[in-house]
């Protein structure tokens, strides 16, 4: 069976201390394993990627971020993966969204999305973790984005991945 095509909009939601919010879910490859991922999700019919990003931030954090506060696309990624017996071929766009301390205090993280928790990560914590974080090499990639909000970055394609066979 051919994988289902899916397009997603991901948000690098960063607080005023340059910490990145990651949600934690289960790793479909290994029972009980977890992985960390950015806020965001599927682009719905009639939406563009920026509109999907705004909606996903609302759904996952109950925070309203105007589209004008989201930066340009800084990364893209293509990945194949399986979950719950379904196979997906997913295109991902990543953009930066900065939030204030007051906004962080108002957040209400959706526990169905972040079933295994959520956490604000520094670049150093990302670099030192042994946990699975997607996309890979986030600790090496994030500092350039944080420098100027990604405005001078040329969108980087991080690569094409098969999460079912790439066990890193």
N, C-alpha and C. Protein backbone atom coordinates (compact mmCIF):
# COMPACT_ATOMS: atom_id res chain seq x y z
N UNK A 1 0.84 -1.18 0.00
CA UNK A 1 0.00 0.00 0.00
C UNK A 1 0.89 1.25 0.00
N UNK A 2 0.57 2.20 -0.86
CA UNK A 2 1.33 3.45 -0.97
C UNK A 2 1.11 4.30 0.28
N UNK A 3 2.16 4.99 0.72
CA UNK A 3 1.98 5.86 1.89
C UNK A 3 1.06 7.03 1.58
N UNK A 4 0.35 7.47 2.60
CA UNK A 4 -0.53 8.63 2.48
C UNK A 4 0.33 9.90 2.50
N UNK A 5 0.14 10.80 1.53
CA UNK A 5 0.86 12.07 1.49
C UNK A 5 0.29 13.00 2.55
N UNK A 6 1.18 13.69 3.23
CA UNK A 6 0.77 14.61 4.29
C UNK A 6 1.70 15.80 4.29
N UNK A 7 1.16 16.98 4.46
CA UNK A 7 1.96 18.20 4.55
C UNK A 7 1.76 18.80 5.93
N UNK A 8 2.84 19.19 6.59
CA UNK A 8 2.73 19.73 7.94
C UNK A 8 3.43 21.08 8.06
N UNK A 9 3.01 21.82 9.06
CA UNK A 9 3.61 23.10 9.41
C UNK A 9 4.05 22.99 10.86
N UNK A 10 5.34 23.13 11.09
CA UNK A 10 5.92 22.99 12.43
C UNK A 10 6.38 24.36 12.92
N UNK A 11 6.30 24.58 14.22
CA UNK A 11 6.69 25.86 14.81
C UNK A 11 7.77 25.64 15.85
N UNK A 12 8.87 26.35 15.70
CA UNK A 12 9.93 26.37 16.70
C UNK A 12 9.51 27.45 17.70
N UNK A 13 8.71 27.05 18.69
CA UNK A 13 8.16 27.99 19.67
C UNK A 13 9.22 28.23 20.74
N UNK A 14 9.73 29.46 20.80
CA UNK A 14 10.87 29.80 21.65
C UNK A 14 10.46 30.91 22.61
N UNK A 15 10.86 30.75 23.88
CA UNK A 15 10.53 31.77 24.89
C UNK A 15 11.61 32.85 24.94
N UNK A 16 11.44 33.80 25.86
CA UNK A 16 12.37 34.93 25.94
C UNK A 16 13.74 34.55 26.51
N UNK A 17 13.92 33.30 26.92
CA UNK A 17 15.22 32.79 27.37
C UNK A 17 15.85 31.88 26.31
N UNK A 18 15.33 31.93 25.11
CA UNK A 18 15.80 31.10 23.99
C UNK A 18 15.64 29.60 24.24
N UNK A 19 14.62 29.24 25.00
CA UNK A 19 14.30 27.82 25.21
C UNK A 19 13.21 27.42 24.22
N UNK A 20 13.34 26.23 23.69
CA UNK A 20 12.42 25.69 22.69
C UNK A 20 11.43 24.74 23.34
N UNK A 21 10.14 24.94 23.07
CA UNK A 21 9.11 24.05 23.58
C UNK A 21 9.04 22.81 22.71
N UNK A 22 9.20 21.64 23.32
CA UNK A 22 9.01 20.38 22.62
C UNK A 22 7.96 19.57 23.35
N UNK A 23 7.17 18.86 22.58
CA UNK A 23 6.15 17.96 23.11
C UNK A 23 6.70 16.55 23.04
N UNK A 24 6.20 15.68 23.88
CA UNK A 24 6.71 14.31 23.92
C UNK A 24 5.59 13.32 23.58
N UNK A 25 5.89 12.44 22.66
CA UNK A 25 4.95 11.41 22.26
C UNK A 25 5.62 10.06 22.24
N UNK A 26 4.87 9.06 21.83
CA UNK A 26 5.45 7.72 21.77
C UNK A 26 6.13 7.50 20.43
N UNK A 27 7.13 6.68 20.45
CA UNK A 27 7.84 6.32 19.23
C UNK A 27 7.16 5.08 18.68
N UNK A 28 6.54 5.16 17.51
CA UNK A 28 5.78 4.02 17.00
C UNK A 28 6.65 2.81 16.65
N UNK A 29 7.96 2.99 16.57
CA UNK A 29 8.84 1.87 16.21
C UNK A 29 9.11 0.94 17.39
N UNK A 30 9.07 1.49 18.60
CA UNK A 30 9.46 0.71 19.78
C UNK A 30 8.45 0.93 20.89
N UNK A 31 7.74 -0.11 21.30
CA UNK A 31 6.77 0.06 22.39
C UNK A 31 7.42 0.67 23.63
N UNK A 32 6.78 1.69 24.16
CA UNK A 32 7.27 2.34 25.37
C UNK A 32 8.30 3.43 25.11
N UNK A 33 8.87 3.49 23.91
CA UNK A 33 9.87 4.52 23.62
C UNK A 33 9.18 5.86 23.38
N UNK A 34 9.91 6.92 23.68
CA UNK A 34 9.36 8.27 23.51
C UNK A 34 10.21 9.05 22.51
N UNK A 35 9.63 10.14 22.00
CA UNK A 35 10.39 11.06 21.18
C UNK A 35 9.84 12.46 21.37
N UNK A 36 10.68 13.46 21.13
CA UNK A 36 10.35 14.86 21.33
C UNK A 36 10.20 15.53 19.98
N UNK A 37 9.19 16.40 19.86
CA UNK A 37 8.89 17.03 18.58
C UNK A 37 8.37 18.44 18.81
N UNK A 38 8.41 19.24 17.76
CA UNK A 38 7.97 20.63 17.85
C UNK A 38 6.45 20.73 17.80
N UNK A 39 5.96 21.86 18.20
CA UNK A 39 4.55 22.19 18.04
C UNK A 39 4.25 22.21 16.54
N UNK A 40 3.07 21.79 16.17
CA UNK A 40 2.66 21.86 14.77
C UNK A 40 1.95 20.60 14.34
N UNK A 41 1.51 20.60 13.09
CA UNK A 41 0.81 19.44 12.58
C UNK A 41 0.34 19.65 11.16
N UNK A 42 -0.61 18.85 10.77
CA UNK A 42 -1.06 18.79 9.39
C UNK A 42 -1.72 20.06 8.88
N UNK A 43 -1.43 20.35 7.61
CA UNK A 43 -2.09 21.45 6.91
C UNK A 43 -3.44 20.93 6.43
N UNK A 44 -4.52 21.62 6.81
CA UNK A 44 -5.86 21.20 6.45
C UNK A 44 -6.30 21.84 5.14
N UNK A 45 -7.33 21.27 4.53
CA UNK A 45 -7.87 21.79 3.27
C UNK A 45 -8.20 23.27 3.42
N UNK A 46 -7.78 24.07 2.46
CA UNK A 46 -8.06 25.50 2.47
C UNK A 46 -7.06 26.33 3.23
N UNK A 47 -6.09 25.72 3.89
CA UNK A 47 -5.08 26.44 4.66
C UNK A 47 -3.76 26.48 3.88
N UNK A 48 -2.97 27.54 4.16
CA UNK A 48 -1.58 27.50 3.74
C UNK A 48 -0.76 27.10 4.98
N UNK A 49 0.54 26.95 4.81
CA UNK A 49 1.37 26.49 5.93
C UNK A 49 1.38 27.47 7.10
N UNK A 50 1.37 28.75 6.82
CA UNK A 50 1.37 29.75 7.91
C UNK A 50 0.05 29.69 8.69
N UNK A 51 -1.07 29.59 8.01
CA UNK A 51 -2.37 29.48 8.69
C UNK A 51 -2.42 28.20 9.53
N UNK A 52 -1.88 27.12 9.00
CA UNK A 52 -1.84 25.86 9.75
C UNK A 52 -0.99 26.02 11.01
N UNK A 53 0.11 26.74 10.91
CA UNK A 53 0.98 26.96 12.06
C UNK A 53 0.24 27.70 13.17
N UNK A 54 -0.48 28.76 12.80
CA UNK A 54 -1.25 29.54 13.79
C UNK A 54 -2.30 28.65 14.45
N UNK A 55 -3.02 27.88 13.65
CA UNK A 55 -4.05 26.99 14.20
C UNK A 55 -3.43 25.94 15.12
N UNK A 56 -2.34 25.34 14.69
CA UNK A 56 -1.71 24.28 15.50
C UNK A 56 -1.18 24.82 16.83
N UNK A 57 -0.60 26.02 16.82
CA UNK A 57 -0.16 26.62 18.09
C UNK A 57 -1.36 26.77 19.01
N UNK A 58 -2.49 27.24 18.48
CA UNK A 58 -3.70 27.38 19.30
C UNK A 58 -4.16 26.02 19.83
N UNK A 59 -4.25 25.04 18.96
CA UNK A 59 -4.76 23.73 19.38
C UNK A 59 -3.86 23.07 20.43
N UNK A 60 -2.57 23.25 20.32
CA UNK A 60 -1.65 22.54 21.21
C UNK A 60 -1.26 23.32 22.46
N UNK A 61 -1.44 24.66 22.45
CA UNK A 61 -1.03 25.46 23.61
C UNK A 61 -2.11 26.41 24.11
N UNK A 62 -3.21 26.57 23.36
CA UNK A 62 -4.27 27.54 23.63
C UNK A 62 -3.74 28.97 23.61
N UNK A 63 -2.71 29.19 22.82
CA UNK A 63 -2.12 30.51 22.68
C UNK A 63 -2.37 31.03 21.26
N UNK A 64 -2.88 32.25 21.17
CA UNK A 64 -3.12 32.86 19.88
C UNK A 64 -1.89 33.67 19.48
N UNK A 65 -1.24 33.25 18.42
CA UNK A 65 -0.08 33.96 17.88
C UNK A 65 -0.48 34.47 16.50
N UNK A 66 -0.43 35.77 16.26
CA UNK A 66 -0.74 36.26 14.92
C UNK A 66 0.28 35.74 13.90
N UNK A 67 -0.18 35.49 12.70
CA UNK A 67 0.70 34.98 11.65
C UNK A 67 1.89 35.90 11.43
N UNK A 68 1.71 37.20 11.66
CA UNK A 68 2.79 38.17 11.45
C UNK A 68 3.96 37.96 12.42
N UNK A 69 3.73 37.24 13.52
CA UNK A 69 4.81 36.98 14.48
C UNK A 69 5.58 35.71 14.15
N UNK A 70 5.15 34.99 13.15
CA UNK A 70 5.88 33.80 12.74
C UNK A 70 6.91 34.19 11.69
N UNK A 71 8.10 33.63 11.83
CA UNK A 71 9.16 33.92 10.88
C UNK A 71 8.97 33.16 9.58
N UNK A 72 9.93 33.35 8.68
CA UNK A 72 9.87 32.61 7.41
C UNK A 72 10.25 31.15 7.63
N UNK A 73 10.04 30.34 6.63
CA UNK A 73 10.45 28.93 6.70
C UNK A 73 11.97 28.89 6.84
N UNK A 74 12.45 28.18 7.86
CA UNK A 74 13.90 28.04 8.06
C UNK A 74 14.40 26.64 7.69
N UNK A 75 13.54 25.63 7.85
CA UNK A 75 13.92 24.26 7.52
C UNK A 75 12.76 23.58 6.82
N UNK A 76 13.07 22.62 5.98
CA UNK A 76 12.09 21.69 5.44
C UNK A 76 12.65 20.29 5.64
N UNK A 77 11.76 19.32 5.59
CA UNK A 77 12.17 17.92 5.78
C UNK A 77 11.12 17.04 5.13
N UNK A 78 11.53 15.93 4.57
CA UNK A 78 10.63 14.93 4.02
C UNK A 78 10.88 13.65 4.80
N UNK A 79 9.81 13.00 5.26
CA UNK A 79 10.00 11.79 6.05
C UNK A 79 8.90 10.76 5.77
N UNK A 80 9.32 9.53 5.73
CA UNK A 80 8.41 8.39 5.68
C UNK A 80 8.33 7.81 7.09
N UNK A 81 7.14 7.43 7.53
CA UNK A 81 7.00 6.79 8.83
C UNK A 81 5.69 6.04 8.91
N UNK A 82 5.62 5.13 9.85
CA UNK A 82 4.41 4.35 10.10
C UNK A 82 3.97 4.58 11.53
N UNK A 83 2.66 4.62 11.71
CA UNK A 83 2.09 4.72 13.05
C UNK A 83 0.71 4.07 13.02
N UNK A 84 0.46 3.26 14.01
CA UNK A 84 -0.84 2.60 14.16
C UNK A 84 -1.30 1.91 12.87
N UNK A 85 -0.36 1.27 12.18
CA UNK A 85 -0.69 0.50 10.98
C UNK A 85 -0.84 1.31 9.71
N UNK A 86 -0.64 2.62 9.80
CA UNK A 86 -0.73 3.49 8.62
C UNK A 86 0.66 3.99 8.25
N UNK A 87 0.90 4.17 6.96
CA UNK A 87 2.19 4.66 6.47
C UNK A 87 1.99 6.05 5.88
N UNK A 88 2.93 6.96 6.19
CA UNK A 88 2.83 8.35 5.75
C UNK A 88 4.11 8.78 5.04
N UNK A 89 3.93 9.65 4.05
CA UNK A 89 5.02 10.34 3.36
C UNK A 89 4.77 11.81 3.65
N UNK A 90 5.56 12.38 4.57
CA UNK A 90 5.24 13.68 5.14
C UNK A 90 6.27 14.74 4.77
N UNK A 91 5.76 15.88 4.28
CA UNK A 91 6.56 17.07 4.04
C UNK A 91 6.37 18.00 5.23
N UNK A 92 7.48 18.56 5.73
CA UNK A 92 7.42 19.43 6.91
C UNK A 92 8.08 20.77 6.63
N UNK A 93 7.45 21.85 7.07
CA UNK A 93 8.05 23.18 7.07
C UNK A 93 8.18 23.64 8.51
N UNK A 94 9.32 24.25 8.83
CA UNK A 94 9.60 24.75 10.17
C UNK A 94 9.81 26.26 10.11
N UNK A 95 9.16 26.97 11.05
CA UNK A 95 9.37 28.41 11.17
C UNK A 95 9.42 28.78 12.65
N UNK A 96 10.08 29.89 12.97
CA UNK A 96 10.24 30.34 14.34
C UNK A 96 9.05 31.16 14.80
N UNK A 97 8.64 30.95 16.05
CA UNK A 97 7.62 31.76 16.70
C UNK A 97 8.09 32.07 18.11
N UNK A 98 8.30 33.33 18.40
CA UNK A 98 8.75 33.73 19.75
C UNK A 98 7.55 34.08 20.62
N UNK A 99 7.65 33.70 21.90
CA UNK A 99 6.60 34.01 22.87
C UNK A 99 7.20 34.69 24.09
N UNK A 100 6.38 35.50 24.73
CA UNK A 100 6.81 36.21 25.93
C UNK A 100 6.61 35.34 27.17
N UNK A 101 7.19 35.78 28.28
CA UNK A 101 7.00 35.06 29.55
C UNK A 101 5.52 35.05 29.94
N UNK A 102 4.82 36.14 29.69
CA UNK A 102 3.38 36.20 30.01
C UNK A 102 2.61 35.19 29.17
N UNK A 103 2.98 35.03 27.90
CA UNK A 103 2.31 34.05 27.05
C UNK A 103 2.61 32.63 27.51
N UNK A 104 3.84 32.38 27.90
CA UNK A 104 4.20 31.05 28.41
C UNK A 104 3.35 30.73 29.64
N UNK A 105 3.17 31.71 30.51
CA UNK A 105 2.39 31.50 31.73
C UNK A 105 0.92 31.16 31.42
N UNK A 106 0.42 31.65 30.29
CA UNK A 106 -0.99 31.40 29.92
C UNK A 106 -1.18 30.09 29.15
N UNK A 107 -0.10 29.48 28.72
CA UNK A 107 -0.24 28.27 27.90
C UNK A 107 -0.94 27.15 28.64
N UNK A 108 -1.72 26.40 27.88
CA UNK A 108 -2.37 25.20 28.37
C UNK A 108 -2.05 24.10 27.36
N UNK A 109 -1.03 23.31 27.65
CA UNK A 109 -0.57 22.29 26.71
C UNK A 109 -1.60 21.18 26.59
N UNK A 110 -1.95 20.84 25.36
CA UNK A 110 -2.91 19.78 25.07
C UNK A 110 -2.27 18.43 25.37
N UNK A 111 -2.78 17.74 26.36
CA UNK A 111 -2.18 16.47 26.77
C UNK A 111 -2.45 15.32 25.81
N UNK A 112 -3.38 15.50 24.87
CA UNK A 112 -3.54 14.44 23.86
C UNK A 112 -2.41 14.52 22.84
N UNK A 113 -1.91 15.72 22.58
CA UNK A 113 -0.77 15.89 21.69
C UNK A 113 0.54 15.55 22.40
N UNK A 114 0.66 16.03 23.62
CA UNK A 114 1.88 15.83 24.42
C UNK A 114 1.59 14.79 25.50
N UNK A 115 1.21 13.63 25.05
CA UNK A 115 0.75 12.58 25.96
C UNK A 115 1.79 12.22 27.02
N UNK A 116 3.06 12.34 26.68
CA UNK A 116 4.13 11.96 27.61
C UNK A 116 4.84 13.16 28.18
N UNK A 117 4.26 14.34 28.02
CA UNK A 117 4.81 15.54 28.63
C UNK A 117 5.25 16.58 27.62
N UNK A 118 5.74 17.67 28.16
CA UNK A 118 6.31 18.75 27.37
C UNK A 118 7.43 19.36 28.18
N UNK A 119 8.29 20.08 27.48
CA UNK A 119 9.44 20.65 28.17
C UNK A 119 10.03 21.79 27.34
N UNK A 120 10.56 22.78 28.04
CA UNK A 120 11.31 23.86 27.41
C UNK A 120 12.78 23.47 27.45
N UNK A 121 13.42 23.43 26.29
CA UNK A 121 14.81 22.97 26.16
C UNK A 121 15.74 24.11 25.75
N UNK A 122 16.90 24.19 26.39
CA UNK A 122 17.94 25.09 25.91
C UNK A 122 18.71 24.36 24.80
N UNK A 123 19.49 25.11 24.05
CA UNK A 123 20.32 24.49 23.01
C UNK A 123 21.29 23.51 23.65
N UNK A 124 21.88 23.87 24.79
CA UNK A 124 22.82 22.97 25.48
C UNK A 124 22.13 21.68 25.94
N UNK A 125 20.91 21.79 26.43
CA UNK A 125 20.18 20.59 26.84
C UNK A 125 19.88 19.70 25.64
N UNK A 126 19.53 20.30 24.52
CA UNK A 126 19.29 19.52 23.30
C UNK A 126 20.58 18.81 22.87
N UNK A 127 21.70 19.52 22.96
CA UNK A 127 22.99 18.94 22.54
C UNK A 127 23.40 17.78 23.44
N UNK A 128 23.00 17.81 24.70
CA UNK A 128 23.44 16.80 25.65
C UNK A 128 22.48 15.66 25.90
N UNK A 129 21.31 15.69 25.29
CA UNK A 129 20.32 14.65 25.60
C UNK A 129 20.59 13.37 24.82
N UNK A 130 20.25 12.27 25.44
CA UNK A 130 20.29 10.97 24.76
C UNK A 130 18.92 10.58 24.25
N UNK A 131 17.93 11.44 24.46
CA UNK A 131 16.57 11.14 24.01
C UNK A 131 16.41 11.44 22.52
N UNK A 132 15.41 10.84 21.91
CA UNK A 132 15.13 11.06 20.50
C UNK A 132 14.42 12.39 20.32
N UNK A 133 15.01 13.25 19.49
CA UNK A 133 14.44 14.56 19.18
C UNK A 133 14.37 14.67 17.67
N UNK A 134 13.23 15.14 17.17
CA UNK A 134 13.07 15.34 15.73
C UNK A 134 12.73 16.79 15.44
N UNK A 135 13.35 17.44 14.47
CA UNK A 135 14.32 16.84 13.56
C UNK A 135 15.67 16.64 14.23
N UNK A 136 16.44 15.74 13.64
CA UNK A 136 17.79 15.47 14.12
C UNK A 136 18.64 16.72 14.03
N UNK A 137 19.66 16.77 14.83
CA UNK A 137 20.65 17.85 14.84
C UNK A 137 20.05 19.21 15.19
N UNK A 138 18.94 19.21 15.91
CA UNK A 138 18.31 20.47 16.26
C UNK A 138 19.26 21.37 17.04
N UNK A 139 20.07 20.80 17.93
CA UNK A 139 20.99 21.61 18.73
C UNK A 139 22.01 22.34 17.86
N UNK A 140 22.41 21.73 16.76
CA UNK A 140 23.37 22.37 15.86
C UNK A 140 22.69 23.39 14.95
N UNK A 141 21.44 23.16 14.60
CA UNK A 141 20.72 24.00 13.65
C UNK A 141 20.06 25.22 14.30
N UNK A 142 19.61 25.07 15.52
CA UNK A 142 18.79 26.11 16.16
C UNK A 142 19.52 27.43 16.42
N UNK A 143 20.81 27.44 16.82
CA UNK A 143 21.45 28.73 17.12
C UNK A 143 21.39 29.74 15.97
N UNK A 144 21.57 29.31 14.74
CA UNK A 144 21.51 30.24 13.61
C UNK A 144 20.12 30.85 13.49
N UNK A 145 19.10 30.05 13.72
CA UNK A 145 17.72 30.54 13.64
C UNK A 145 17.45 31.55 14.75
N UNK A 146 17.99 31.29 15.94
CA UNK A 146 17.75 32.17 17.08
C UNK A 146 18.46 33.52 16.93
N UNK A 147 19.53 33.55 16.17
CA UNK A 147 20.33 34.77 16.04
C UNK A 147 19.52 35.95 15.55
N UNK A 148 18.75 35.74 14.49
CA UNK A 148 17.97 36.87 13.96
C UNK A 148 16.54 36.47 13.63
N UNK A 149 16.06 35.47 14.30
CA UNK A 149 14.68 35.03 14.08
C UNK A 149 14.50 34.30 12.77
N UNK A 150 15.61 33.89 12.17
CA UNK A 150 15.54 33.15 10.93
C UNK A 150 15.35 34.04 9.72
N UNK A 151 15.32 35.35 9.93
CA UNK A 151 15.03 36.26 8.82
C UNK A 151 16.11 36.27 7.75
N UNK A 152 17.38 36.03 8.13
CA UNK A 152 18.44 36.02 7.12
C UNK A 152 18.78 34.60 6.67
N UNK A 153 18.13 33.64 7.26
CA UNK A 153 18.39 32.24 6.90
C UNK A 153 17.73 31.92 5.56
N UNK A 154 18.46 31.18 4.77
CA UNK A 154 17.86 30.58 3.59
C UNK A 154 17.30 29.25 4.06
N UNK A 155 16.07 28.95 3.69
CA UNK A 155 15.46 27.70 4.14
C UNK A 155 16.37 26.53 3.76
N UNK A 156 16.68 25.70 4.74
CA UNK A 156 17.55 24.56 4.55
C UNK A 156 16.71 23.29 4.50
N UNK A 157 16.91 22.48 3.47
CA UNK A 157 16.25 21.18 3.43
C UNK A 157 17.11 20.22 4.24
N UNK A 158 16.57 19.72 5.34
CA UNK A 158 17.32 18.87 6.26
C UNK A 158 17.55 17.47 5.71
N UNK A 159 16.80 17.10 4.70
CA UNK A 159 16.99 15.79 4.08
C UNK A 159 15.70 15.01 3.99
N UNK A 160 15.84 13.83 3.42
CA UNK A 160 14.75 12.88 3.27
C UNK A 160 15.03 11.72 4.21
N UNK A 161 14.07 11.36 5.04
CA UNK A 161 14.29 10.37 6.08
C UNK A 161 13.24 9.28 6.02
N UNK A 162 13.62 8.11 6.50
CA UNK A 162 12.68 7.02 6.69
C UNK A 162 12.76 6.68 8.17
N UNK A 163 11.80 7.16 8.94
CA UNK A 163 11.80 6.96 10.40
C UNK A 163 11.65 5.50 10.78
N UNK A 164 11.11 4.69 9.90
CA UNK A 164 10.93 3.28 10.21
C UNK A 164 12.24 2.51 10.18
N UNK A 165 13.19 2.98 9.39
CA UNK A 165 14.47 2.26 9.29
C UNK A 165 15.62 3.02 9.91
N UNK A 166 15.48 4.32 10.11
CA UNK A 166 16.52 5.14 10.72
C UNK A 166 16.31 5.15 12.22
N UNK A 167 17.07 4.36 12.93
CA UNK A 167 16.83 4.18 14.36
C UNK A 167 17.60 5.15 15.24
N UNK A 168 18.27 6.15 14.66
CA UNK A 168 18.98 7.15 15.47
C UNK A 168 18.02 8.14 16.07
